[in-house]
């Protein structure tokens, strides 16, 4: 096998877009908007909806990955590099799952689903900073951002410096 399963490839690129959008929106828009701002509700609805989709699609991707396997390492002689790549991929899955679980826990703690999606009449809390799941969500976001940067830099290094064709493994074209 020289490429990942077609579903893995499709979900990789779809999740990449969704995760990057959600991280940027959460960090630079939602975190900066006071909960008293009426526009916060729309932002939360979009962020929560995409977050739930990301979590579910990540679980589908993980199950598919476990069932279909992965291409062999490009260079089996680089055992440490291959172990590091495997560890980063596992941490990416863990990071996304922790983000989803902490987001759900935060929503449960203050009935965000009822407030945002069902108009329960309750106001948003003054802020979310006192909630433990909020702290976990924030730390996981920073860790996930670092892992994504590492993942992208490694892919660029492989593709343009080593020229080993690693991007073909996550492409619908090629061998």
N, C-alpha and C. Protein backbone atom coordinates (compact mmCIF):
# COMPACT_ATOMS: atom_id res chain seq x y z
N UNK A 1 0.86 -1.18 0.00
CA UNK A 1 0.00 0.00 0.00
C UNK A 1 0.90 1.24 0.00
N UNK A 2 0.67 2.14 -0.96
CA UNK A 2 1.50 3.35 -1.05
C UNK A 2 0.76 4.60 -0.60
N UNK A 3 -0.58 4.49 -0.49
CA UNK A 3 -1.38 5.64 -0.05
C UNK A 3 -2.35 5.19 1.04
N UNK A 4 -2.85 6.17 1.76
CA UNK A 4 -3.89 5.88 2.73
C UNK A 4 -5.21 5.59 2.01
N UNK A 5 -6.11 4.97 2.71
CA UNK A 5 -7.45 4.69 2.20
C UNK A 5 -8.10 6.00 1.76
N UNK A 6 -8.92 5.96 0.70
CA UNK A 6 -9.52 7.19 0.15
C UNK A 6 -10.36 7.95 1.18
N UNK A 7 -11.03 7.24 2.09
CA UNK A 7 -11.81 7.93 3.13
C UNK A 7 -10.90 8.66 4.11
N UNK A 8 -9.76 8.05 4.43
CA UNK A 8 -8.77 8.70 5.31
C UNK A 8 -8.29 10.00 4.66
N UNK A 9 -8.01 9.94 3.37
CA UNK A 9 -7.52 11.12 2.65
C UNK A 9 -8.57 12.23 2.66
N UNK A 10 -9.80 11.88 2.31
CA UNK A 10 -10.87 12.89 2.26
C UNK A 10 -11.09 13.51 3.64
N UNK A 11 -11.13 12.67 4.67
CA UNK A 11 -11.34 13.20 6.02
C UNK A 11 -10.15 14.01 6.50
N UNK A 12 -8.94 13.64 6.11
CA UNK A 12 -7.75 14.41 6.49
C UNK A 12 -7.89 15.86 6.06
N UNK A 13 -8.22 16.07 4.78
CA UNK A 13 -8.28 17.44 4.27
C UNK A 13 -9.50 18.19 4.78
N UNK A 14 -10.63 17.52 4.90
CA UNK A 14 -11.83 18.14 5.46
C UNK A 14 -11.61 18.54 6.92
N UNK A 15 -11.04 17.62 7.70
CA UNK A 15 -10.77 17.91 9.11
C UNK A 15 -9.71 19.00 9.26
N UNK A 16 -8.71 19.00 8.39
CA UNK A 16 -7.68 20.04 8.46
C UNK A 16 -8.32 21.42 8.35
N UNK A 17 -9.20 21.58 7.38
CA UNK A 17 -9.89 22.87 7.21
C UNK A 17 -10.75 23.21 8.43
N UNK A 18 -11.53 22.24 8.87
CA UNK A 18 -12.42 22.48 10.02
C UNK A 18 -11.67 22.79 11.29
N UNK A 19 -10.60 22.04 11.56
CA UNK A 19 -9.83 22.24 12.78
C UNK A 19 -9.13 23.59 12.76
N UNK A 20 -8.50 23.92 11.66
CA UNK A 20 -7.80 25.22 11.58
C UNK A 20 -8.81 26.36 11.72
N UNK A 21 -9.95 26.26 11.03
CA UNK A 21 -10.98 27.30 11.16
C UNK A 21 -11.43 27.43 12.61
N UNK A 22 -11.72 26.31 13.26
CA UNK A 22 -12.23 26.35 14.64
C UNK A 22 -11.18 26.88 15.61
N UNK A 23 -9.93 26.48 15.44
CA UNK A 23 -8.88 26.99 16.31
C UNK A 23 -8.71 28.50 16.16
N UNK A 24 -8.71 28.96 14.91
CA UNK A 24 -8.56 30.40 14.68
C UNK A 24 -9.77 31.17 15.19
N UNK A 25 -10.97 30.66 14.91
CA UNK A 25 -12.19 31.35 15.36
C UNK A 25 -12.26 31.37 16.88
N UNK A 26 -11.95 30.25 17.51
CA UNK A 26 -12.01 30.20 18.97
C UNK A 26 -10.98 31.10 19.62
N UNK A 27 -9.78 31.13 19.06
CA UNK A 27 -8.68 31.91 19.64
C UNK A 27 -8.82 33.40 19.38
N UNK A 28 -9.16 33.76 18.16
CA UNK A 28 -9.11 35.18 17.80
C UNK A 28 -10.47 35.86 17.74
N UNK A 29 -11.55 35.11 17.69
CA UNK A 29 -12.87 35.75 17.64
C UNK A 29 -13.65 35.50 18.92
N UNK A 30 -13.90 34.25 19.23
CA UNK A 30 -14.74 33.95 20.39
C UNK A 30 -14.09 34.36 21.71
N UNK A 31 -12.80 34.06 21.86
CA UNK A 31 -12.12 34.41 23.11
C UNK A 31 -12.07 35.92 23.33
N UNK A 32 -12.06 36.68 22.25
CA UNK A 32 -11.97 38.13 22.34
C UNK A 32 -13.32 38.82 22.45
N UNK A 33 -14.40 38.10 22.20
CA UNK A 33 -15.73 38.68 22.23
C UNK A 33 -16.35 38.46 23.61
N UNK A 34 -16.77 39.53 24.28
CA UNK A 34 -17.39 39.34 25.60
C UNK A 34 -18.69 38.55 25.48
N UNK A 35 -18.99 37.77 26.51
CA UNK A 35 -20.22 36.98 26.50
C UNK A 35 -21.47 37.85 26.50
N UNK A 36 -21.34 39.11 26.84
CA UNK A 36 -22.48 40.02 26.82
C UNK A 36 -22.80 40.53 25.41
N UNK A 37 -21.88 40.32 24.47
CA UNK A 37 -22.08 40.75 23.08
C UNK A 37 -23.11 39.83 22.42
N UNK A 38 -24.20 40.39 21.85
CA UNK A 38 -25.22 39.56 21.22
C UNK A 38 -24.70 38.69 20.08
N UNK A 39 -23.66 39.12 19.42
CA UNK A 39 -23.09 38.36 18.32
C UNK A 39 -22.38 37.09 18.77
N UNK A 40 -22.09 37.00 20.05
CA UNK A 40 -21.38 35.83 20.57
C UNK A 40 -22.19 34.55 20.37
N UNK A 41 -23.51 34.66 20.44
CA UNK A 41 -24.37 33.47 20.30
C UNK A 41 -24.19 32.82 18.93
N UNK A 42 -24.17 33.63 17.87
CA UNK A 42 -23.98 33.07 16.53
C UNK A 42 -22.61 32.42 16.39
N UNK A 43 -21.60 33.10 16.91
CA UNK A 43 -20.24 32.55 16.87
C UNK A 43 -20.15 31.23 17.62
N UNK A 44 -20.78 31.16 18.79
CA UNK A 44 -20.77 29.92 19.57
C UNK A 44 -21.52 28.81 18.84
N UNK A 45 -22.65 29.15 18.22
CA UNK A 45 -23.43 28.14 17.50
C UNK A 45 -22.60 27.52 16.37
N UNK A 46 -21.91 28.36 15.62
CA UNK A 46 -21.07 27.87 14.52
C UNK A 46 -19.91 27.04 15.07
N UNK A 47 -19.23 27.58 16.09
CA UNK A 47 -18.08 26.91 16.68
C UNK A 47 -18.48 25.55 17.27
N UNK A 48 -19.58 25.51 17.97
CA UNK A 48 -20.04 24.27 18.59
C UNK A 48 -20.47 23.25 17.53
N UNK A 49 -21.19 23.71 16.52
CA UNK A 49 -21.62 22.80 15.46
C UNK A 49 -20.45 22.20 14.71
N UNK A 50 -19.49 23.04 14.35
CA UNK A 50 -18.31 22.54 13.65
C UNK A 50 -17.49 21.65 14.58
N UNK A 51 -17.40 22.02 15.84
CA UNK A 51 -16.66 21.21 16.81
C UNK A 51 -17.23 19.81 16.96
N UNK A 52 -18.54 19.70 17.03
CA UNK A 52 -19.19 18.39 17.12
C UNK A 52 -18.92 17.58 15.85
N UNK A 53 -19.02 18.24 14.69
CA UNK A 53 -18.74 17.55 13.42
C UNK A 53 -17.29 17.07 13.37
N UNK A 54 -16.37 17.91 13.83
CA UNK A 54 -14.96 17.53 13.85
C UNK A 54 -14.75 16.30 14.74
N UNK A 55 -15.34 16.30 15.92
CA UNK A 55 -15.19 15.16 16.82
C UNK A 55 -15.72 13.88 16.19
N UNK A 56 -16.92 13.95 15.63
CA UNK A 56 -17.52 12.76 15.02
C UNK A 56 -16.72 12.27 13.82
N UNK A 57 -16.30 13.19 12.95
CA UNK A 57 -15.51 12.80 11.78
C UNK A 57 -14.14 12.27 12.16
N UNK A 58 -13.57 12.80 13.23
CA UNK A 58 -12.29 12.28 13.72
C UNK A 58 -12.44 10.85 14.20
N UNK A 59 -13.53 10.55 14.88
CA UNK A 59 -13.77 9.18 15.33
C UNK A 59 -13.97 8.24 14.14
N UNK A 60 -14.69 8.71 13.12
CA UNK A 60 -14.85 7.91 11.89
C UNK A 60 -13.49 7.68 11.25
N UNK A 61 -12.67 8.71 11.19
CA UNK A 61 -11.34 8.60 10.59
C UNK A 61 -10.47 7.63 11.39
N UNK A 62 -10.53 7.71 12.70
CA UNK A 62 -9.73 6.82 13.54
C UNK A 62 -10.14 5.36 13.34
N UNK A 63 -11.43 5.09 13.33
CA UNK A 63 -11.91 3.72 13.11
C UNK A 63 -11.48 3.23 11.73
N UNK A 64 -11.63 4.08 10.72
CA UNK A 64 -11.23 3.70 9.36
C UNK A 64 -9.74 3.44 9.31
N UNK A 65 -8.97 4.28 9.96
CA UNK A 65 -7.50 4.13 9.98
C UNK A 65 -7.11 2.81 10.65
N UNK A 66 -7.77 2.46 11.76
CA UNK A 66 -7.46 1.21 12.45
C UNK A 66 -7.84 -0.01 11.61
N UNK A 67 -8.86 0.13 10.81
CA UNK A 67 -9.32 -0.99 9.97
C UNK A 67 -8.55 -1.14 8.67
N UNK A 68 -8.05 -0.04 8.13
CA UNK A 68 -7.42 -0.09 6.82
C UNK A 68 -5.90 -0.04 6.85
N UNK A 69 -5.32 0.31 7.97
CA UNK A 69 -3.86 0.37 8.07
C UNK A 69 -3.28 1.62 7.45
N UNK A 70 -1.96 1.60 7.32
CA UNK A 70 -1.24 2.75 6.80
C UNK A 70 -0.17 2.27 5.84
N UNK A 71 0.25 3.14 4.93
CA UNK A 71 1.36 2.77 4.05
C UNK A 71 2.62 2.50 4.88
N UNK A 72 3.50 1.69 4.35
CA UNK A 72 4.77 1.41 5.02
C UNK A 72 5.58 2.70 5.12
N UNK A 73 6.44 2.80 6.12
CA UNK A 73 7.31 3.99 6.21
C UNK A 73 8.11 4.16 4.92
N UNK A 74 8.36 5.40 4.57
CA UNK A 74 9.11 5.66 3.33
C UNK A 74 10.53 5.13 3.42
N UNK A 75 11.13 5.23 4.58
CA UNK A 75 12.51 4.76 4.77
C UNK A 75 12.57 4.02 6.10
N UNK A 76 12.50 2.72 6.05
CA UNK A 76 12.46 1.90 7.27
C UNK A 76 13.73 2.05 8.09
N UNK A 77 14.82 2.53 7.49
CA UNK A 77 16.07 2.68 8.23
C UNK A 77 16.03 3.86 9.21
N UNK A 78 15.04 4.72 9.07
CA UNK A 78 14.91 5.89 9.96
C UNK A 78 13.90 5.58 11.06
N UNK A 79 14.23 4.63 11.92
CA UNK A 79 13.31 4.14 12.94
C UNK A 79 12.86 5.24 13.89
N UNK A 80 13.79 6.06 14.36
CA UNK A 80 13.43 7.11 15.32
C UNK A 80 12.50 8.14 14.67
N UNK A 81 12.80 8.53 13.46
CA UNK A 81 11.95 9.48 12.73
C UNK A 81 10.55 8.90 12.53
N UNK A 82 10.47 7.63 12.20
CA UNK A 82 9.17 6.98 12.00
C UNK A 82 8.39 6.89 13.31
N UNK A 83 9.08 6.63 14.41
CA UNK A 83 8.42 6.59 15.73
C UNK A 83 7.89 7.98 16.10
N UNK A 84 8.68 9.00 15.82
CA UNK A 84 8.24 10.37 16.11
C UNK A 84 7.02 10.73 15.27
N UNK A 85 7.03 10.35 14.00
CA UNK A 85 5.87 10.64 13.14
C UNK A 85 4.64 9.93 13.67
N UNK A 86 4.79 8.68 14.09
CA UNK A 86 3.66 7.95 14.66
C UNK A 86 3.15 8.60 15.93
N UNK A 87 4.07 9.06 16.77
CA UNK A 87 3.68 9.72 18.01
C UNK A 87 2.92 11.01 17.74
N UNK A 88 3.38 11.79 16.77
CA UNK A 88 2.70 13.04 16.43
C UNK A 88 1.28 12.75 15.93
N UNK A 89 1.13 11.72 15.10
CA UNK A 89 -0.20 11.38 14.60
C UNK A 89 -1.13 10.96 15.74
N UNK A 90 -0.62 10.16 16.67
CA UNK A 90 -1.43 9.77 17.83
C UNK A 90 -1.81 11.00 18.64
N UNK A 91 -0.85 11.89 18.87
CA UNK A 91 -1.13 13.10 19.65
C UNK A 91 -2.14 14.02 18.95
N UNK A 92 -2.12 14.04 17.62
CA UNK A 92 -3.12 14.83 16.88
C UNK A 92 -4.52 14.27 17.15
N UNK A 93 -4.67 12.96 17.09
CA UNK A 93 -5.96 12.35 17.41
C UNK A 93 -6.37 12.66 18.85
N UNK A 94 -5.44 12.48 19.78
CA UNK A 94 -5.73 12.74 21.20
C UNK A 94 -6.12 14.20 21.39
N UNK A 95 -5.38 15.11 20.76
CA UNK A 95 -5.67 16.54 20.90
C UNK A 95 -7.07 16.89 20.42
N UNK A 96 -7.45 16.35 19.27
CA UNK A 96 -8.80 16.65 18.74
C UNK A 96 -9.86 16.06 19.65
N UNK A 97 -9.64 14.85 20.14
CA UNK A 97 -10.64 14.22 21.01
C UNK A 97 -10.73 14.97 22.34
N UNK A 98 -9.61 15.40 22.89
CA UNK A 98 -9.63 16.19 24.14
C UNK A 98 -10.34 17.52 23.91
N UNK A 99 -10.08 18.15 22.77
CA UNK A 99 -10.77 19.41 22.45
C UNK A 99 -12.28 19.20 22.42
N UNK A 100 -12.71 18.15 21.73
CA UNK A 100 -14.15 17.87 21.64
C UNK A 100 -14.75 17.54 22.99
N UNK A 101 -14.08 16.69 23.75
CA UNK A 101 -14.61 16.29 25.07
C UNK A 101 -14.66 17.47 26.03
N UNK A 102 -13.63 18.32 26.03
CA UNK A 102 -13.63 19.47 26.93
C UNK A 102 -14.66 20.51 26.48
N UNK A 103 -14.86 20.63 25.16
CA UNK A 103 -15.91 21.54 24.67
C UNK A 103 -17.29 21.07 25.10
N UNK A 104 -17.52 19.76 24.99
CA UNK A 104 -18.81 19.21 25.43
C UNK A 104 -18.98 19.39 26.93
N UNK A 105 -17.93 19.13 27.70
CA UNK A 105 -18.00 19.30 29.16
C UNK A 105 -18.28 20.75 29.53
N UNK A 106 -17.66 21.69 28.83
CA UNK A 106 -17.91 23.11 29.10
C UNK A 106 -19.36 23.47 28.76
N UNK A 107 -19.85 22.96 27.64
CA UNK A 107 -21.23 23.23 27.24
C UNK A 107 -22.21 22.65 28.26
N UNK A 108 -21.92 21.45 28.74
CA UNK A 108 -22.78 20.82 29.74
C UNK A 108 -22.79 21.61 31.05
N UNK A 109 -21.63 22.13 31.44
CA UNK A 109 -21.50 22.83 32.72
C UNK A 109 -22.40 24.06 32.82
N UNK A 110 -22.67 24.71 31.70
CA UNK A 110 -23.46 25.95 31.74
C UNK A 110 -24.68 25.89 30.83
N UNK A 111 -25.05 24.68 30.37
CA UNK A 111 -26.19 24.48 29.49
C UNK A 111 -26.09 25.31 28.21
N UNK A 112 -24.89 25.30 27.61
CA UNK A 112 -24.70 26.07 26.37
C UNK A 112 -25.61 25.57 25.25
N UNK A 113 -25.82 24.27 25.18
CA UNK A 113 -26.70 23.74 24.14
C UNK A 113 -28.09 24.35 24.24
N UNK A 114 -28.63 24.40 25.45
CA UNK A 114 -29.95 24.99 25.67
C UNK A 114 -29.97 26.47 25.36
N UNK A 115 -28.93 27.15 25.76
CA UNK A 115 -28.86 28.61 25.56
C UNK A 115 -28.68 28.95 24.08
N UNK A 116 -27.71 28.31 23.45
CA UNK A 116 -27.32 28.67 22.08
C UNK A 116 -28.27 28.10 21.03
N UNK A 117 -28.64 26.84 21.17
CA UNK A 117 -29.41 26.18 20.12
C UNK A 117 -30.92 26.18 20.36
N UNK A 118 -31.32 26.21 21.62
CA UNK A 118 -32.75 26.05 21.91
C UNK A 118 -33.37 27.25 22.61
N UNK A 119 -32.61 28.33 22.76
CA UNK A 119 -33.14 29.56 23.34
C UNK A 119 -33.81 29.35 24.69
N UNK A 120 -33.10 28.70 25.60
CA UNK A 120 -33.68 28.37 26.91
C UNK A 120 -34.04 29.61 27.72
N UNK A 121 -33.60 30.77 27.26
CA UNK A 121 -33.91 32.00 27.98
C UNK A 121 -32.84 32.37 28.98
N UNK A 122 -31.97 31.43 29.31
CA UNK A 122 -30.87 31.73 30.22
C UNK A 122 -29.82 32.54 29.48
N UNK A 123 -29.21 33.49 30.17
CA UNK A 123 -28.13 34.25 29.52
C UNK A 123 -26.84 33.43 29.55
N UNK A 124 -25.91 33.82 28.70
CA UNK A 124 -24.58 33.23 28.79
C UNK A 124 -23.96 33.64 30.12
N UNK A 125 -23.13 32.80 30.71
CA UNK A 125 -22.44 33.24 31.93
C UNK A 125 -21.56 34.44 31.61
N UNK A 126 -21.17 35.16 32.63
CA UNK A 126 -20.32 36.34 32.42
C UNK A 126 -19.07 35.97 31.62
N UNK A 127 -18.46 34.85 31.98
CA UNK A 127 -17.34 34.30 31.20
C UNK A 127 -17.22 32.81 31.52
N UNK A 128 -16.33 32.15 30.82
CA UNK A 128 -16.15 30.71 31.00
C UNK A 128 -14.86 30.40 31.75
N UNK A 129 -14.14 31.42 32.16
CA UNK A 129 -12.79 31.25 32.70
C UNK A 129 -12.72 30.43 33.98
N UNK A 130 -13.79 30.38 34.76
CA UNK A 130 -13.77 29.64 36.02
C UNK A 130 -14.06 28.16 35.84
N UNK A 131 -14.34 27.74 34.63
CA UNK A 131 -14.69 26.34 34.38
C UNK A 131 -13.42 25.53 34.06
N UNK A 132 -13.24 24.41 34.75
CA UNK A 132 -12.10 23.55 34.49
C UNK A 132 -12.07 23.09 33.03
N UNK A 133 -13.21 22.69 32.45
CA UNK A 133 -13.16 22.28 31.03
C UNK A 133 -12.67 23.40 30.11
N UNK A 134 -12.91 24.65 30.48
CA UNK A 134 -12.42 25.78 29.67
C UNK A 134 -10.91 25.84 29.68
N UNK A 135 -10.32 25.58 30.86
CA UNK A 135 -8.85 25.56 30.95
C UNK A 135 -8.28 24.42 30.11
N UNK A 136 -8.90 23.25 30.20
CA UNK A 136 -8.45 22.10 29.41
C UNK A 136 -8.59 22.42 27.92
N UNK A 137 -9.71 23.02 27.53
CA UNK A 137 -9.97 23.37 26.13
C UNK A 137 -8.89 24.33 25.62
N UNK A 138 -8.55 25.32 26.42
CA UNK A 138 -7.54 26.29 26.03
C UNK A 138 -6.15 25.68 25.91
N UNK A 139 -5.77 24.84 26.87
CA UNK A 139 -4.46 24.19 26.81
C UNK A 139 -4.39 23.21 25.64
N UNK A 140 -5.47 22.47 25.44
CA UNK A 140 -5.49 21.53 24.31
C UNK A 140 -5.40 22.27 22.98
N UNK A 141 -6.03 23.44 22.89
CA UNK A 141 -5.97 24.24 21.66
C UNK A 141 -4.53 24.65 21.37
N UNK A 142 -3.82 25.09 22.39
CA UNK A 142 -2.42 25.50 22.18
C UNK A 142 -1.56 24.30 21.78
N UNK A 143 -1.77 23.17 22.44
CA UNK A 143 -1.01 21.96 22.08
C UNK A 143 -1.33 21.50 20.68
N UNK A 144 -2.60 21.55 20.31
CA UNK A 144 -3.01 21.13 18.97
C UNK A 144 -2.41 22.06 17.91
N UNK A 145 -2.38 23.36 18.19
CA UNK A 145 -1.77 24.29 17.24
C UNK A 145 -0.29 23.96 17.03
N UNK A 146 0.41 23.67 18.12
CA UNK A 146 1.84 23.33 18.02
C UNK A 146 2.02 22.05 17.21
N UNK A 147 1.19 21.05 17.46
CA UNK A 147 1.28 19.79 16.72
C UNK A 147 0.99 19.98 15.23
N UNK A 148 0.02 20.83 14.92
CA UNK A 148 -0.32 21.09 13.52
C UNK A 148 0.86 21.77 12.81
N UNK A 149 1.48 22.74 13.48
CA UNK A 149 2.64 23.41 12.89
C UNK A 149 3.75 22.38 12.65
N UNK A 150 4.02 21.53 13.63
CA UNK A 150 5.04 20.50 13.49
C UNK A 150 4.71 19.56 12.32
N UNK A 151 3.46 19.15 12.23
CA UNK A 151 3.00 18.26 11.17
C UNK A 151 3.19 18.89 9.78
N UNK A 152 2.80 20.14 9.64
CA UNK A 152 2.92 20.84 8.36
C UNK A 152 4.39 21.07 8.00
N UNK A 153 5.19 21.48 8.96
CA UNK A 153 6.62 21.70 8.70
C UNK A 153 7.28 20.39 8.28
N UNK A 154 6.94 19.29 8.95
CA UNK A 154 7.52 17.99 8.59
C UNK A 154 7.10 17.58 7.17
N UNK A 155 5.83 17.81 6.83
CA UNK A 155 5.35 17.47 5.48
C UNK A 155 6.08 18.30 4.42
N UNK A 156 6.25 19.59 4.69
CA UNK A 156 6.97 20.46 3.74
C UNK A 156 8.43 20.03 3.62
N UNK A 157 9.05 19.71 4.74
CA UNK A 157 10.45 19.24 4.73
C UNK A 157 10.58 17.97 3.89
N UNK A 158 9.71 17.01 4.12
CA UNK A 158 9.76 15.77 3.35
C UNK A 158 9.54 16.02 1.86
N UNK A 159 8.55 16.85 1.55
CA UNK A 159 8.18 17.06 0.16
C UNK A 159 9.22 17.87 -0.61
N UNK A 160 9.75 18.94 0.03
CA UNK A 160 10.60 19.87 -0.71
C UNK A 160 12.09 19.77 -0.42
N UNK A 161 12.47 19.21 0.72
CA UNK A 161 13.90 19.05 1.01
C UNK A 161 14.33 17.61 0.72
N UNK A 162 13.65 16.65 1.33
CA UNK A 162 13.99 15.25 1.09
C UNK A 162 13.48 14.76 -0.27
N UNK A 163 12.45 15.43 -0.76
CA UNK A 163 11.83 15.08 -2.06
C UNK A 163 11.48 13.59 -2.13
N UNK A 164 10.86 13.11 -1.05
CA UNK A 164 10.53 11.69 -0.98
C UNK A 164 9.08 11.39 -1.37
N UNK A 165 8.35 12.42 -1.83
CA UNK A 165 7.00 12.21 -2.32
C UNK A 165 5.98 11.87 -1.25
N UNK A 166 6.24 12.29 -0.04
CA UNK A 166 5.34 11.93 1.07
C UNK A 166 3.91 12.43 0.86
N UNK A 167 3.75 13.55 0.16
CA UNK A 167 2.41 14.11 -0.04
C UNK A 167 1.54 13.20 -0.91
N UNK A 168 2.15 12.35 -1.71
CA UNK A 168 1.36 11.45 -2.55
C UNK A 168 0.59 10.44 -1.70
N UNK A 169 1.03 10.20 -0.47
CA UNK A 169 0.33 9.27 0.42
C UNK A 169 -1.01 9.82 0.87
N UNK A 170 -1.15 11.14 0.84
CA UNK A 170 -2.37 11.80 1.29
C UNK A 170 -3.03 12.53 0.13
N UNK A 171 -2.88 11.96 -1.07
CA UNK A 171 -3.43 12.55 -2.29
C UNK A 171 -4.27 11.51 -3.03
N UNK A 172 -5.27 12.00 -3.74
CA UNK A 172 -6.08 11.10 -4.56
C UNK A 172 -5.40 10.77 -5.88
N UNK A 173 -4.37 11.55 -6.22
CA UNK A 173 -3.64 11.32 -7.46
C UNK A 173 -2.36 10.56 -7.16
N UNK A 174 -1.77 10.05 -8.17
CA UNK A 174 -0.48 9.36 -8.00
C UNK A 174 -0.65 7.87 -7.90
N UNK A 175 0.41 7.22 -7.45
CA UNK A 175 0.43 5.76 -7.39
C UNK A 175 -0.49 5.21 -6.33
